[in-house]
Protein backbone atom coordinates (compact mmCIF):
# COMPACT_ATOMS: atom_id res chain seq x y z
CA MET A 1 -65.53 49.92 10.92
CA ARG A 2 -66.27 52.65 13.56
CA GLN A 3 -65.77 56.00 12.00
CA PRO A 4 -62.77 57.85 13.28
CA GLU A 5 -63.95 60.36 16.01
CA ILE A 6 -62.30 63.80 16.73
CA HIS A 7 -63.23 66.03 19.70
CA ILE A 8 -62.58 69.53 19.90
CA ILE A 9 -61.76 71.36 23.03
CA TYR A 10 -62.20 75.14 23.32
CA ALA A 11 -63.07 78.04 25.52
CA LYS A 12 -66.61 79.02 24.31
CA GLU A 13 -65.58 82.78 23.65
CA ASP A 14 -63.68 81.59 20.88
CA ASP A 15 -66.78 80.36 19.19
CA ALA A 16 -68.51 84.05 19.41
CA GLY A 17 -70.40 84.61 16.12
CA ASN A 18 -69.31 88.04 14.20
CA ALA A 19 -71.22 89.70 11.55
CA THR A 20 -70.66 86.58 8.82
CA GLY A 21 -73.19 84.64 11.41
CA ASN A 22 -71.25 81.61 12.37
CA GLY A 23 -68.54 81.27 15.40
CA TRP A 24 -64.97 80.46 14.63
CA VAL A 25 -64.82 77.10 16.11
CA THR A 26 -68.14 75.94 14.29
CA SER A 27 -66.79 77.27 10.97
CA PHE A 28 -63.50 75.35 11.60
CA LYS A 29 -65.69 72.25 12.61
CA LYS A 30 -67.41 72.51 9.01
CA PHE A 31 -64.00 73.02 7.28
CA LEU A 32 -62.29 70.09 8.93
CA GLN A 33 -65.18 67.63 8.44
CA MET A 34 -65.24 68.65 4.63
CA MET A 35 -61.57 68.71 3.87
CA LEU A 36 -61.04 65.13 5.64
CA GLN A 37 -63.62 63.69 3.82
CA GLN A 38 -62.08 65.05 0.82
CA THR A 39 -58.52 64.21 1.59
CA SER A 40 -58.93 60.85 3.36
CA GLY A 41 -61.98 59.32 1.70
CA LYS A 42 -63.33 58.69 5.40
CA THR A 43 -66.17 59.80 7.24
CA PHE A 44 -65.15 61.60 10.54
CA THR A 45 -67.51 62.15 13.94
CA ILE A 46 -66.58 65.44 15.57
CA ASN A 47 -67.78 66.65 18.77
CA LEU A 48 -67.53 69.95 19.86
CA LEU A 49 -66.45 70.26 23.89
CA PRO A 50 -66.73 73.82 24.86
CA ASP A 51 -65.42 74.66 28.54
CA THR A 52 -69.28 75.27 29.10
CA ASP A 53 -70.03 71.47 28.52
CA THR A 54 -69.74 69.35 31.71
CA GLU A 55 -69.41 65.83 29.81
CA SER A 56 -66.39 63.65 31.15
CA THR A 57 -63.23 63.88 29.17
CA PRO A 58 -63.20 61.48 26.26
CA LYS A 59 -60.70 58.74 26.53
CA GLU A 60 -60.83 57.43 22.65
CA GLY A 61 -60.14 59.27 19.89
CA LEU A 62 -58.14 62.08 18.61
CA LEU A 63 -57.95 65.62 20.34
CA VAL A 64 -57.94 68.90 18.71
CA VAL A 65 -57.00 71.80 20.83
CA ILE A 66 -57.77 75.42 19.93
CA LEU A 67 -55.40 77.79 21.50
CA SER A 68 -55.82 81.19 22.59
CA THR A 69 -55.66 83.69 25.43
CA ASP A 70 -59.20 82.60 26.66
CA PHE A 71 -58.34 78.71 26.62
CA ILE A 72 -55.27 79.67 28.59
CA LEU A 73 -57.82 81.54 31.05
CA SER A 74 -60.19 78.59 31.23
CA ASP A 75 -59.31 76.26 34.21
CA PHE A 76 -61.86 73.60 32.91
CA CYS A 77 -60.11 73.82 29.17
CA LEU A 78 -56.79 73.10 30.84
CA ASP A 79 -58.30 70.30 33.16
CA ARG A 80 -59.75 68.75 30.35
CA LEU A 81 -56.47 68.57 28.71
CA ASN A 82 -54.42 67.26 31.28
CA GLN A 83 -56.96 64.72 31.95
CA TYR A 84 -57.00 63.42 28.22
CA MET A 85 -52.79 63.65 28.21
CA SER A 86 -52.98 61.78 31.41
CA GLN A 87 -54.59 58.82 29.83
CA LYS A 88 -52.27 58.65 26.60
CA GLU A 89 -48.81 57.07 26.17
CA GLN A 90 -48.22 58.73 23.04
CA THR A 91 -48.90 62.34 22.06
CA GLU A 92 -49.58 61.76 18.07
CA ALA A 93 -53.18 61.71 18.57
CA VAL A 94 -53.20 65.39 19.84
CA PHE A 95 -53.37 68.66 17.45
CA LYS A 96 -52.76 71.94 18.62
CA VAL A 97 -54.40 74.88 16.57
CA PHE A 98 -53.59 78.54 17.41
CA LYS A 99 -56.77 80.52 16.88
CA SER A 100 -54.60 83.60 17.93
CA PRO A 101 -50.91 83.40 18.86
CA LEU A 102 -49.30 82.67 22.53
CA ALA A 103 -46.14 83.09 24.14
CA PHE A 104 -44.12 79.89 23.90
CA ARG A 105 -43.90 80.10 27.89
CA GLU A 106 -48.09 80.39 28.10
CA VAL A 107 -48.47 77.00 25.66
CA PRO A 108 -49.62 74.28 28.60
CA ASP A 109 -46.56 71.83 28.90
CA ALA A 110 -47.95 68.80 28.12
CA ILE A 111 -48.40 70.08 24.11
CA LYS A 112 -45.46 72.55 23.95
CA PHE A 113 -43.48 70.83 21.41
CA LEU A 114 -46.17 69.28 19.36
CA PRO A 115 -46.56 70.87 15.86
CA ASP A 116 -48.32 74.04 15.81
CA TYR A 117 -50.92 75.03 12.93
CA ASN A 118 -51.27 78.48 13.10
CA LEU A 119 -54.88 79.77 11.85
CA TYR A 120 -54.46 83.26 12.38
CA HIS A 121 -52.86 86.43 10.28
CA ALA A 122 -50.19 88.49 11.98
CA GLN A 123 -48.45 91.55 10.85
CA ASP A 124 -46.75 94.51 12.27
CA GLY A 125 -47.23 93.24 15.80
CA LEU A 126 -50.87 92.82 15.33
CA SER A 127 -52.73 89.34 15.03
CA GLN A 128 -56.14 88.76 13.67
CA ALA A 129 -58.30 85.29 13.46
CA PHE A 130 -59.66 84.82 9.98
CA TYR A 131 -63.70 85.04 9.22
CA ASP A 132 -63.22 86.08 5.65
CA TYR A 133 -62.06 82.54 4.87
CA PHE A 134 -61.84 83.11 1.15
CA SER A 135 -59.61 86.26 1.07
CA LYS A 136 -56.48 86.16 -0.44
CA LYS A 137 -54.69 86.17 2.98
CA ALA A 138 -56.88 83.21 4.39
CA GLN A 139 -55.78 81.18 0.98
CA LYS A 140 -52.16 81.56 1.60
CA ILE A 141 -52.41 81.14 5.38
CA TYR A 142 -55.47 79.33 6.86
CA TRP A 143 -56.46 76.86 4.03
CA MET A 144 -52.74 75.84 3.60
CA LYS A 145 -52.51 75.02 7.38
CA MET A 146 -55.78 73.40 7.26
CA ILE A 147 -54.92 71.23 4.37
CA ASP A 148 -51.61 70.25 6.41
CA LEU A 149 -53.76 69.50 10.01
CA CYS A 150 -55.86 67.10 7.48
CA PHE A 151 -53.38 65.03 6.25
CA ASP A 152 -51.48 64.89 9.69
CA ILE A 153 -54.80 63.55 11.12
CA HIS A 154 -55.37 61.38 8.40
CA GLU A 155 -52.01 59.52 8.57
CA VAL A 156 -52.76 59.04 12.59
CA VAL A 157 -56.31 57.33 11.75
CA VAL A 158 -54.15 55.04 9.13
CA GLN A 159 -51.42 54.12 11.47
CA LYS A 160 -54.28 53.25 14.15
CA ALA A 161 -56.99 51.72 12.24
CA THR A 162 -54.97 49.13 10.32
CA GLU A 163 -52.85 46.15 11.58
CA ARG A 164 -50.02 47.04 9.18
CA LYS A 165 -48.71 49.65 11.38
CA ALA A 166 -45.45 47.69 12.81
CA GLU A 167 -45.00 46.28 9.54
CA ASN A 168 -44.93 49.68 7.59
CA ARG A 169 -42.45 50.67 10.53
CA LYS A 170 -40.16 47.94 9.20
CA THR A 171 -40.73 48.35 5.78
CA HIS A 172 -39.76 52.43 6.04
CA LYS A 173 -36.90 51.91 8.45
CA SER A 174 -34.25 51.79 5.58
CA LYS A 175 -35.65 54.96 4.10
CA ALA A 176 -36.56 57.07 7.24
CA VAL A 177 -35.42 60.73 7.76
CA TYR A 178 -34.76 62.96 10.41
CA LEU A 179 -36.19 66.51 9.77
CA ALA A 180 -35.23 68.59 12.48
CA ASP A 181 -37.08 71.58 14.09
CA THR A 182 -36.88 74.92 12.98
CA GLY A 183 -37.55 78.63 14.18
CA LYS A 184 -41.09 79.99 13.65
CA ASP A 185 -39.77 81.83 10.04
CA LEU A 186 -39.34 78.01 8.39
CA SER A 187 -42.11 76.21 9.83
CA GLY A 188 -44.20 76.57 6.68
CA ALA A 189 -41.27 75.28 4.69
CA ARG A 190 -40.65 72.28 6.87
CA ASN A 191 -44.27 71.37 6.95
CA ILE A 192 -44.03 71.01 3.06
CA ILE A 193 -41.17 68.91 3.36
CA LYS A 194 -42.60 66.99 6.09
CA ARG A 195 -45.69 66.28 4.00
CA GLU A 196 -43.96 65.15 0.88
CA LEU A 197 -41.36 62.87 2.57
CA ASN A 198 -44.66 61.09 3.82
CA ARG A 199 -46.18 60.91 0.78
CA HIS A 200 -43.47 59.42 -1.22
CA GLY A 201 -43.13 56.73 1.61
CA PHE A 202 -40.62 58.03 4.28
CA ASP A 203 -40.70 57.61 7.86
CA VAL A 204 -40.19 61.09 9.33
CA TYR A 205 -38.78 62.01 12.59
CA PRO A 206 -38.78 63.14 15.31
CA LYS A 207 -42.51 61.87 16.35
CA PRO A 208 -44.36 64.56 18.46
CA LYS A 209 -43.21 64.76 21.91
CA ALA A 210 -44.35 65.97 25.10
CA THR A 211 -41.85 68.53 27.35
CA LEU A 212 -38.29 67.02 27.37
CA SER A 213 -35.26 68.27 29.23
CA ALA A 214 -31.97 68.88 27.13
CA ALA A 215 -30.91 65.61 28.04
CA ASP A 216 -34.03 63.65 26.97
CA TRP A 217 -33.95 65.63 24.09
CA GLU A 218 -30.43 64.27 23.22
CA LYS A 219 -31.36 60.55 24.34
CA GLU A 220 -34.41 60.61 21.92
CA ILE A 221 -32.46 62.06 19.02
CA LYS A 222 -29.75 59.44 19.26
CA GLN A 223 -32.40 56.64 19.62
CA ASP A 224 -34.57 58.35 16.18
CA LEU A 225 -31.28 58.87 14.14
CA LYS A 226 -30.67 54.79 14.36
CA HIS A 227 -33.75 54.64 11.90
CA CYS A 228 -32.56 57.26 9.71
CA ILE A 229 -30.43 57.26 6.30
CA PHE A 230 -30.58 61.35 6.07
CA SER A 231 -30.98 64.11 8.46
CA ILE A 232 -32.16 67.69 6.94
CA HIS A 233 -31.49 70.69 9.11
CA MET A 234 -33.08 74.04 8.14
CA PHE A 235 -31.91 77.47 9.81
CA GLY A 236 -33.70 80.98 9.40
CA ALA A 237 -33.98 84.33 11.73
CA SER A 238 -35.50 82.62 14.41
CA TYR A 239 -33.57 80.78 16.76
CA GLY A 240 -36.47 78.37 17.78
CA ASN A 241 -37.63 77.07 21.30
CA THR A 242 -35.79 76.06 23.98
CA PRO A 243 -35.93 72.93 26.22
CA LYS A 244 -36.18 73.33 30.24
CA ASP A 245 -32.90 73.80 31.78
CA ALA A 246 -30.96 74.45 28.38
CA GLU A 247 -29.19 76.88 26.84
CA LEU A 248 -29.49 75.66 23.46
CA SER A 249 -32.49 75.63 21.33
CA ILE A 250 -34.11 72.31 20.20
CA ALA A 251 -32.89 73.07 16.56
CA ALA A 252 -29.52 73.57 17.72
CA ILE A 253 -29.31 70.29 20.18
CA GLN A 254 -30.49 68.33 17.19
CA ASN A 255 -27.94 69.45 14.92
CA GLU A 256 -25.16 69.16 17.28
CA THR A 257 -26.40 65.50 18.55
CA ALA A 258 -26.54 64.65 14.69
CA ALA A 259 -23.19 66.08 13.97
CA ALA A 260 -21.60 63.75 16.83
CA TYR A 261 -23.68 60.87 15.70
CA ALA A 262 -22.55 61.20 12.16
CA GLN A 263 -18.97 61.41 12.89
CA ALA A 264 -19.45 57.85 14.55
CA ASN A 265 -22.16 56.43 11.66
CA THR A 266 -20.76 57.56 8.32
CA GLU A 267 -24.21 56.01 6.78
CA LEU A 268 -25.69 58.64 8.14
CA LYS A 269 -26.01 61.53 5.28
CA ARG A 270 -26.82 65.06 6.20
CA ILE A 271 -27.92 68.42 4.79
CA ILE A 272 -27.72 72.12 6.29
CA TRP A 273 -29.62 74.70 4.77
CA ILE A 274 -29.06 78.19 5.69
CA ALA A 275 -31.43 80.91 4.56
CA PRO A 276 -29.66 83.44 2.51
CA ALA A 277 -29.76 87.28 3.76
CA LEU A 278 -31.33 86.52 6.95
CA GLU A 279 -33.83 89.17 7.77
CA ASN A 280 -33.57 90.44 11.24
CA PRO A 281 -31.99 87.68 12.84
CA GLU A 282 -32.35 87.17 16.23
CA ASP A 283 -28.86 87.64 18.18
CA LYS A 284 -28.72 84.27 19.42
CA GLN A 285 -29.36 82.78 16.00
CA LYS A 286 -26.80 85.14 14.29
CA THR A 287 -24.06 83.60 16.55
CA PHE A 288 -25.16 80.12 16.05
CA VAL A 289 -25.24 80.29 12.42
CA HIS A 290 -22.06 82.24 12.56
CA LYS A 291 -20.44 79.20 14.52
CA LEU A 292 -22.20 76.53 11.94
CA LYS A 293 -20.38 78.05 9.17
CA ARG A 294 -16.94 78.09 10.50
CA ASP A 295 -16.71 75.01 13.05
CA ALA A 296 -16.32 71.85 11.32
CA ASN A 297 -17.60 69.59 14.19
CA ALA A 298 -21.07 71.55 14.12
CA ALA A 299 -21.25 70.58 10.25
CA ALA A 300 -19.71 67.36 10.48
CA GLY A 301 -21.13 64.86 7.92
CA ALA A 302 -23.32 67.40 6.08
CA GLU A 303 -23.40 69.27 3.04
CA ILE A 304 -24.25 73.14 3.77
CA LEU A 305 -26.14 74.90 1.33
CA GLU A 306 -26.74 78.88 1.45
CA SER A 307 -29.29 79.39 -1.57
CA SER A 308 -32.71 79.74 -2.63
CA LEU A 309 -35.36 77.77 -0.67
CA GLU A 310 -36.23 76.34 -4.16
CA ASP A 311 -32.68 75.52 -4.99
CA PHE A 312 -32.26 73.95 -1.53
CA LYS A 313 -35.49 71.79 -2.10
CA ASN A 314 -34.33 70.53 -5.63
CA THR A 315 -30.84 69.53 -4.10
CA LEU A 316 -32.72 67.60 -0.97
CA TRP A 317 -35.05 65.83 -3.44
CA ASP A 318 -32.01 64.80 -5.88
CA GLN A 319 -30.28 63.39 -2.72
CA LEU A 320 -33.12 61.74 -1.57
CA GLN A 321 -33.76 60.01 -4.79
CA VAL A 322 -30.31 58.74 -4.91
CA ASN A 323 -30.73 57.30 -1.46
CA ALA A 324 -34.26 56.31 -1.64
CA THR A 325 -35.66 52.61 -2.03
CA SER A 326 -39.21 53.30 -2.64
CA GLU A 327 -40.34 52.23 -6.11
CA GLU A 328 -43.40 54.33 -5.95
CA LEU A 329 -41.06 57.24 -6.03
CA SER A 330 -39.06 56.25 -9.26
CA SER A 331 -41.75 54.84 -10.91
CA PHE A 332 -43.37 58.36 -11.97
CA ASN A 333 -40.09 59.55 -13.18
CA TRP A 334 -40.93 60.73 -16.55
CA SER A 335 -37.19 61.55 -17.80
CA SER A 336 -37.33 60.76 -21.42
CA PRO A 337 -36.78 63.59 -23.45
CA LYS A 338 -39.93 65.10 -24.37
CA LYS A 339 -41.23 65.98 -28.06
CA HIS A 340 -44.63 66.97 -26.90
CA PRO A 341 -46.00 68.77 -23.88
CA TYR A 342 -47.31 66.88 -20.83
CA VAL A 343 -50.94 68.09 -19.86
CA TYR A 344 -52.08 66.81 -16.22
CA LEU A 345 -55.95 66.22 -16.69
CA LEU A 346 -57.35 66.73 -13.07
CA ASN A 347 -60.83 65.21 -12.64
CA ASP A 348 -62.96 63.65 -9.91
CA VAL A 349 -64.55 60.24 -10.89
CA VAL A 350 -68.07 61.95 -11.03
CA ASP A 351 -66.88 63.96 -14.00
CA LYS A 352 -65.21 61.03 -15.74
CA SER A 353 -67.31 61.18 -19.09
CA GLN A 354 -66.01 64.98 -19.49
CA ALA A 355 -62.62 64.14 -18.76
CA GLU A 356 -62.72 61.17 -21.84
CA LYS A 357 -64.05 64.07 -24.14
CA VAL A 358 -61.02 66.69 -23.20
CA ARG A 359 -58.45 63.78 -23.15
CA ALA A 360 -59.68 62.77 -26.36
CA ILE A 361 -59.36 66.34 -27.78
CA LEU A 362 -55.77 66.50 -26.12
CA GLU A 363 -54.38 63.18 -27.64
CA LYS A 364 -55.63 64.25 -31.51
CA LYS A 365 -53.63 67.16 -30.94
CA GLN A 366 -50.49 64.97 -29.97
CA ILE A 367 -50.60 66.18 -26.11
CA GLN A 368 -49.37 63.66 -23.84
CA VAL A 369 -52.12 63.32 -21.22
CA ILE A 370 -51.11 62.60 -17.34
CA GLN A 371 -54.22 61.20 -15.19
CA LEU A 372 -54.26 59.75 -11.77
CA PRO A 373 -55.49 55.91 -11.89
CA GLU A 374 -59.09 55.59 -11.24
CA THR A 375 -58.26 52.68 -8.32
CA GLY A 376 -55.09 52.42 -5.84
CA GLY A 377 -54.15 53.25 -2.41
CA LEU A 378 -54.36 56.88 -0.89
CA LEU A 379 -50.31 56.92 -0.57
CA SER A 380 -50.10 55.59 -4.10
CA LEU A 381 -52.38 58.15 -5.29
CA ARG A 382 -50.81 60.89 -3.54
CA ASN A 383 -47.32 60.12 -4.93
CA HIS A 384 -48.81 59.96 -8.52
CA HIS A 385 -50.27 63.45 -7.77
CA ILE A 386 -47.13 64.80 -6.88
CA ALA A 387 -45.10 63.45 -9.78
CA ALA A 388 -47.38 64.66 -12.10
CA LEU A 389 -47.36 68.29 -10.61
CA ARG A 390 -43.64 67.99 -10.60
CA GLN A 391 -43.34 66.94 -14.47
CA MET A 392 -46.42 68.41 -15.97
CA ASP A 393 -46.19 71.22 -18.59
CA ALA A 394 -49.69 72.72 -18.19
CA ALA A 395 -52.94 71.50 -16.28
CA ILE A 396 -56.30 71.27 -16.90
CA ILE A 397 -59.21 71.28 -14.04
CA ILE A 398 -62.52 69.85 -15.01
CA GLN A 399 -65.74 70.67 -12.87
CA ASP A 400 -69.14 69.42 -13.85
CA LYS A 401 -70.77 67.37 -10.90
CA VAL A 402 -67.90 67.67 -8.40
CA ASN A 403 -68.07 70.47 -5.70
CA GLU A 404 -66.47 73.79 -5.60
CA GLN A 405 -64.05 72.81 -2.50
CA TRP A 406 -62.96 70.01 -4.64
CA VAL A 407 -61.96 72.54 -7.18
CA TYR A 408 -60.34 74.74 -4.70
CA MET A 409 -58.01 72.13 -3.03
CA LYS A 410 -56.58 71.32 -6.59
CA LEU A 411 -56.06 74.88 -7.35
CA LEU A 412 -54.01 75.21 -3.85
CA ASP A 413 -52.09 72.16 -5.18
CA LEU A 414 -51.08 73.85 -8.51
CA LEU A 415 -50.20 77.03 -6.24
CA LYS A 416 -47.91 74.96 -4.30
CA ALA A 417 -46.17 72.96 -7.18
CA PRO A 418 -43.04 74.72 -6.41
CA GLY A 419 -42.93 73.49 -2.96
CA PHE A 420 -43.36 69.77 -4.18
CA GLY A 421 -39.80 70.07 -6.02
CA ARG A 422 -41.31 71.47 -9.12
CA SER A 423 -38.70 73.85 -10.90
CA GLN A 424 -39.88 74.91 -13.92
CA HIS A 425 -42.42 77.60 -15.09
CA LEU A 426 -45.77 76.09 -15.58
CA LEU A 427 -46.98 76.75 -19.19
CA GLY A 428 -50.72 77.10 -18.80
CA LYS A 429 -53.57 76.20 -16.37
CA LEU A 430 -57.24 76.24 -17.68
CA LEU A 431 -60.51 75.56 -15.53
CA LEU A 432 -63.16 74.04 -17.73
CA SER A 433 -66.51 74.56 -15.67
CA SER A 434 -70.20 74.04 -16.08
CA SER A 435 -70.83 76.61 -13.49
CA ALA A 436 -71.57 80.09 -14.41
CA LYS A 437 -68.98 82.21 -15.77
CA ASP A 438 -69.60 85.27 -13.59
CA LYS A 439 -69.30 82.73 -10.44
CA ASN A 440 -65.87 81.53 -11.54
CA GLU A 441 -64.19 84.75 -12.27
CA PRO A 442 -63.17 84.98 -8.66
CA LEU A 443 -61.01 81.73 -8.81
CA VAL A 444 -59.89 82.78 -12.45
CA GLU A 445 -58.64 86.41 -11.19
CA GLN A 446 -56.98 84.76 -7.66
CA TYR A 447 -55.15 81.71 -9.04
CA GLN A 448 -54.34 83.14 -12.67
CA ILE A 449 -55.85 80.54 -14.39
CA GLU A 450 -57.81 80.75 -17.77
CA GLY A 451 -61.78 79.83 -17.58
CA CYS A 452 -63.86 78.05 -20.00
CA GLN A 453 -67.11 76.65 -19.93
CA LEU A 454 -67.68 73.00 -20.43
CA SER A 455 -70.37 74.03 -23.08
CA GLU A 456 -67.72 75.49 -24.99
CA ILE A 457 -65.08 72.86 -24.88
CA ASP A 458 -64.06 73.38 -28.51
CA LYS A 459 -62.39 76.53 -27.18
CA ILE A 460 -59.70 74.13 -25.63
CA ASN A 461 -57.94 73.93 -29.07
CA ASN A 462 -56.99 77.42 -28.65
CA PHE A 463 -55.29 76.62 -25.37
CA VAL A 464 -53.55 73.86 -26.75
CA GLU A 465 -52.27 76.17 -29.67
CA VAL A 466 -50.58 78.46 -27.11
CA LEU A 467 -49.34 75.73 -25.18
CA THR A 468 -47.64 74.04 -28.10
CA LYS A 469 -45.99 77.09 -29.31
CA ASP A 470 -44.83 78.05 -25.70
CA PHE A 471 -43.57 74.33 -25.16
CA HIS A 472 -41.54 74.35 -28.52
CA GLN A 473 -40.30 77.82 -27.75
CA ALA A 474 -38.84 76.75 -24.38
CA GLU A 475 -37.40 73.78 -25.71
CA VAL A 476 -35.48 75.85 -28.53
CA ALA A 477 -34.17 78.32 -25.60
CA ASP A 478 -32.90 75.20 -23.29
């Protein structure tokens, strides 16, 4: 099978080197290629196409657009983007990455309403591109968005590379979900929820769209809702983007249209979440939220929650599990009473022998061990992984032959466990590594995880002893 191909278009100024050596786009390509290999198991061909490159615009493959002020000022970048877009009926193969912020009006119309992947840090009105890729800020912003981007790219490749696309859509039709747009302040939370819906087998609407008028949006929303059993609406302090010739934001149009649809089609269930204690809400958003709370028509067919984000996620997953038809979603439900703690043992196949030694130690201590199956499709394995993150009491990561980037991604998943629907506090995390102790110290500190050398594997007994004690104390408290 031909390798998936990605073209990155950008202004040459955005790849200028800094004190660390590599340019921003060159580093982005390196990390993207590495993470795509790890998240999808596929090798991608990635081409850099700066505005100094006179090659013709590619007709095939996926497109990543690096947006910045320099990109907008480059006629060649804009022409190349427009040429690519004119050849495509669908926009799902285009990904817009922000190296620096742009005003909504500055974003090219052809990609204005596609999902954003913001890879910069903004604070106190100032923005800065990341060059220290392993700083604490980069871990929370840059790498989280890179993971989202990689999974989105993989999903598009799977859809395009298999003959099951039409069959999958039929299978998912009875469990599709409409996840409405949000303001910028909730884009991260929306992304996490979208990822989990996809990984649990739900088809998520709306699909990426180019520029639409208000009337076109209403028409598209009605068509999308016909496929869905559930619609989700999230409102924070930001009002969100507004289509051409419209007074309402896209999120407001989606809610209004879904409310009217739900009144005529009672099988559609809706949930509306309003962030409590909005900080510095925009004036239009204050007016909208006030109306939403008091207008029965605006909230038609919906349960309205004004709770913490974590409580909202837990309620959402409870609702979706009731409505879901996915066998995979329910098959990983360890709901029987626990007599012993569950430990999620994370290891790559290259470290299988070390994992077996650790598993033997745990089982002698009557610890229930969760591990991923060695075989299975990506979606099935990911579902199992997410379910394990939700149900585990503790986690042990094994690193012997596997590379550091694999470990880094697993640490990020542990960090994001609450976003996957986990409600309980994690009782313990342990990194068993063959790397030098001083090399792992930054990871141990940043991720608040215990560290232990594989050569001292017997020390795992201390970890188990504390875990078991904490587990039984928590059981008594409950």
